Amino acid sequence: MDQATIMMLLTAAGIISAILLGWIGLNRMVRQTTRSDAGNDAVLKTDVDYIKRGVDEMRLEMRDQGRRFDALAERVTRVEESAKQAHHRLDRVDKQN
């Protein structure tokens, strides 16, 4: 074999090894990116679930506040009616005196 043939074989071997190493590196990077993305997706899903629970709790609290407000409004109406009746009785007592 002459020197040109040896150089050509070494160059071909270098090109083939560069292609293989590049392909192996790309596969490793794709796997690491996939793992990283899966981890990020899991964290994001956990955060979204946490936000959903918070929103659900706020809904329940708002519903409870609405019920309390309705009960308070009903009590105020009763007190106003009672005060009105008391004023009428006081007016009658004043007229009698």
C-alpha atoms as a PDB file:
ATOM      1  CA  MET A   1       0.000   0.000   0.000  1.00  0.00           C
ATOM      2  CA  ASP A   2       1.250   3.329  -0.826  1.00  0.00           C
ATOM      3  CA  GLN A   3       1.138   6.398   1.339  1.00  0.00           C
ATOM      4  CA  ALA A   4      -1.836   7.976  -0.474  1.00  0.00           C
ATOM      5  CA  THR A   5      -4.018   4.929   0.136  1.00  0.00           C
ATOM      6  CA  ILE A   6      -3.124   4.893   3.829  1.00  0.00           C
ATOM      7  CA  MET A   7      -3.943   8.586   4.133  1.00  0.00           C
ATOM      8  CA  MET A   8      -7.251   8.023   2.359  1.00  0.00           C
ATOM      9  CA  LEU A   9      -8.152   5.163   4.728  1.00  0.00           C
ATOM     10  CA  LEU A  10      -7.174   7.217   7.786  1.00  0.00           C
ATOM     11  CA  THR A  11      -9.250  10.142   6.521  1.00  0.00           C
ATOM     12  CA  ALA A  12     -12.255   7.870   5.896  1.00  0.00           C
ATOM     13  CA  ALA A  13     -11.860   6.323   9.360  1.00  0.00           C
ATOM     14  CA  GLY A  14     -11.670   9.802  10.894  1.00  0.00           C
ATOM     15  CA  ILE A  15     -14.809  10.923   9.050  1.00  0.00           C
ATOM     16  CA  ILE A  16     -16.714   7.785  10.051  1.00  0.00           C
ATOM     17  CA  SER A  17     -15.640   8.129  13.711  1.00  0.00           C
ATOM     18  CA  ALA A  18     -16.605  11.823  13.706  1.00  0.00           C
ATOM     19  CA  ILE A  19     -20.037  10.951  12.320  1.00  0.00           C
ATOM     20  CA  LEU A  20     -20.516   8.179  14.912  1.00  0.00           C
ATOM     21  CA  LEU A  21     -19.363  10.366  17.812  1.00  0.00           C
ATOM     22  CA  GLY A  22     -21.610  13.197  16.628  1.00  0.00           C
ATOM     23  CA  TRP A  23     -24.562  10.857  16.358  1.00  0.00           C
ATOM     24  CA  ILE A  24     -23.922   9.369  19.814  1.00  0.00           C
ATOM     25  CA  GLY A  25     -23.602  12.879  21.286  1.00  0.00           C
ATOM     26  CA  LEU A  26     -26.817  13.976  19.603  1.00  0.00           C
ATOM     27  CA  ASN A  27     -28.687  10.933  20.966  1.00  0.00           C
ATOM     28  CA  ARG A  28     -27.373  11.620  24.467  1.00  0.00           C
ATOM     29  CA  MET A  29     -28.385  15.271  24.223  1.00  0.00           C
ATOM     30  CA  VAL A  30     -31.872  14.312  22.993  1.00  0.00           C
ATOM     31  CA  ARG A  31     -32.296  11.882  25.920  1.00  0.00           C
ATOM     32  CA  GLN A  32     -31.121  14.494  28.429  1.00  0.00           C
ATOM     33  CA  THR A  33     -33.413  17.106  26.901  1.00  0.00           C
ATOM     34  CA  THR A  34     -36.319  14.660  27.067  1.00  0.00           C
ATOM     35  CA  ARG A  35     -35.603  13.960  30.749  1.00  0.00           C
ATOM     36  CA  SER A  36     -35.295  17.663  31.476  1.00  0.00           C
ATOM     37  CA  ASP A  37     -38.526  18.440  29.631  1.00  0.00           C
ATOM     38  CA  ALA A  38     -40.320  15.641  31.480  1.00  0.00           C
ATOM     39  CA  GLY A  39     -39.091  17.038  34.792  1.00  0.00           C
ATOM     40  CA  ASN A  40     -40.164  20.550  33.840  1.00  0.00           C
ATOM     41  CA  ASP A  41     -43.558  19.252  32.722  1.00  0.00           C
ATOM     42  CA  ALA A  42     -44.004  17.446  36.038  1.00  0.00           C
ATOM     43  CA  VAL A  43     -43.155  20.610  37.984  1.00  0.00           C
ATOM     44  CA  LEU A  44     -45.516  22.641  35.814  1.00  0.00           C
ATOM     45  CA  LYS A  45     -48.329  20.106  36.296  1.00  0.00           C
ATOM     46  CA  THR A  46     -47.772  20.162  40.057  1.00  0.00           C
ATOM     47  CA  ASP A  47     -47.912  23.953  40.071  1.00  0.00           C
ATOM     48  CA  VAL A  48     -51.110  23.984  38.012  1.00  0.00           C
ATOM     49  CA  ASP A  49     -52.695  21.439  40.372  1.00  0.00           C
ATOM     50  CA  TYR A  50     -51.701  23.617  43.338  1.00  0.00           C
ATOM     51  CA  ILE A  51     -53.304  26.657  41.688  1.00  0.00           C
ATOM     52  CA  LYS A  52     -56.471  24.651  40.933  1.00  0.00           C
ATOM     53  CA  ARG A  53     -56.765  23.611  44.574  1.00  0.00           C
ATOM     54  CA  GLY A  54     -56.324  27.234  45.638  1.00  0.00           C
ATOM     55  CA  VAL A  55     -59.028  28.384  43.240  1.00  0.00           C
ATOM     56  CA  ASP A  56     -61.378  25.647  44.462  1.00  0.00           C
ATOM     57  CA  GLU A  57     -60.769  26.686  48.069  1.00  0.00           C
ATOM     58  CA  MET A  58     -61.452  30.315  47.190  1.00  0.00           C
ATOM     59  CA  ARG A  59     -64.708  29.309  45.462  1.00  0.00           C
ATOM     60  CA  LEU A  60     -65.849  27.427  48.541  1.00  0.00           C
ATOM     61  CA  GLU A  61     -64.906  30.355  50.753  1.00  0.00           C
ATOM     62  CA  MET A  62     -66.774  32.807  48.497  1.00  0.00           C
ATOM     63  CA  ARG A  63     -69.839  30.562  48.561  1.00  0.00           C
ATOM     64  CA  ASP A  64     -69.665  30.427  52.354  1.00  0.00           C
ATOM     65  CA  GLN A  65     -69.280  34.224  52.527  1.00  0.00           C
ATOM     66  CA  GLY A  66     -72.348  34.581  50.293  1.00  0.00           C
ATOM     67  CA  ARG A  67     -74.368  32.400  52.643  1.00  0.00           C
ATOM     68  CA  ARG A  68     -73.200  34.432  55.624  1.00  0.00           C
ATOM     69  CA  PHE A  69     -74.106  37.655  53.844  1.00  0.00           C
ATOM     70  CA  ASP A  70     -77.582  36.348  53.014  1.00  0.00           C
ATOM     71  CA  ALA A  71     -78.113  35.298  56.648  1.00  0.00           C
ATOM     72  CA  LEU A  72     -76.913  38.684  57.869  1.00  0.00           C
ATOM     73  CA  ALA A  73     -79.173  40.526  55.426  1.00  0.00           C
ATOM     74  CA  GLU A  74     -82.127  38.483  56.665  1.00  0.00           C
ATOM     75  CA  ARG A  75     -81.269  39.286  60.286  1.00  0.00           C
ATOM     76  CA  VAL A  76     -80.951  43.013  59.503  1.00  0.00           C
ATOM     77  CA  THR A  77     -84.377  42.935  57.835  1.00  0.00           C
ATOM     78  CA  ARG A  78     -85.891  41.301  60.927  1.00  0.00           C
ATOM     79  CA  VAL A  79     -84.232  43.851  63.226  1.00  0.00           C
ATOM     80  CA  GLU A  80     -85.516  46.716  61.068  1.00  0.00           C
ATOM     81  CA  GLU A  81     -89.064  45.287  61.222  1.00  0.00           C
ATOM     82  CA  SER A  82     -88.779  44.861  64.966  1.00  0.00           C
ATOM     83  CA  ALA A  83     -87.479  48.426  65.387  1.00  0.00           C
ATOM     84  CA  LYS A  84     -90.340  49.730  63.233  1.00  0.00           C
ATOM     85  CA  GLN A  85     -92.880  47.926  65.417  1.00  0.00           C
ATOM     86  CA  ALA A  86     -91.179  49.245  68.554  1.00  0.00           C
ATOM     87  CA  HIS A  87     -91.385  52.821  67.196  1.00  0.00           C
ATOM     88  CA  HIS A  88     -95.099  52.361  66.533  1.00  0.00           C
ATOM     89  CA  ARG A  89     -95.638  51.160  70.099  1.00  0.00           C
ATOM     90  CA  LEU A  90     -93.622  54.083  71.464  1.00  0.00           C
ATOM     91  CA  ASP A  91     -95.664  56.504  69.347  1.00  0.00           C
ATOM     92  CA  ARG A  92     -98.862  55.035  70.803  1.00  0.00           C
ATOM     93  CA  VAL A  93     -97.515  55.363  74.335  1.00  0.00           C
ATOM     94  CA  ASP A  94     -96.554  58.999  73.682  1.00  0.00           C
ATOM     95  CA  LYS A  95    -100.026  59.752  72.357  1.00  0.00           C
ATOM     96  CA  GLN A  96    -101.638  58.225  75.423  1.00  0.00           C
ATOM     97  CA  ASN A  97     -99.601  60.387  77.770  1.00  0.00           C
END
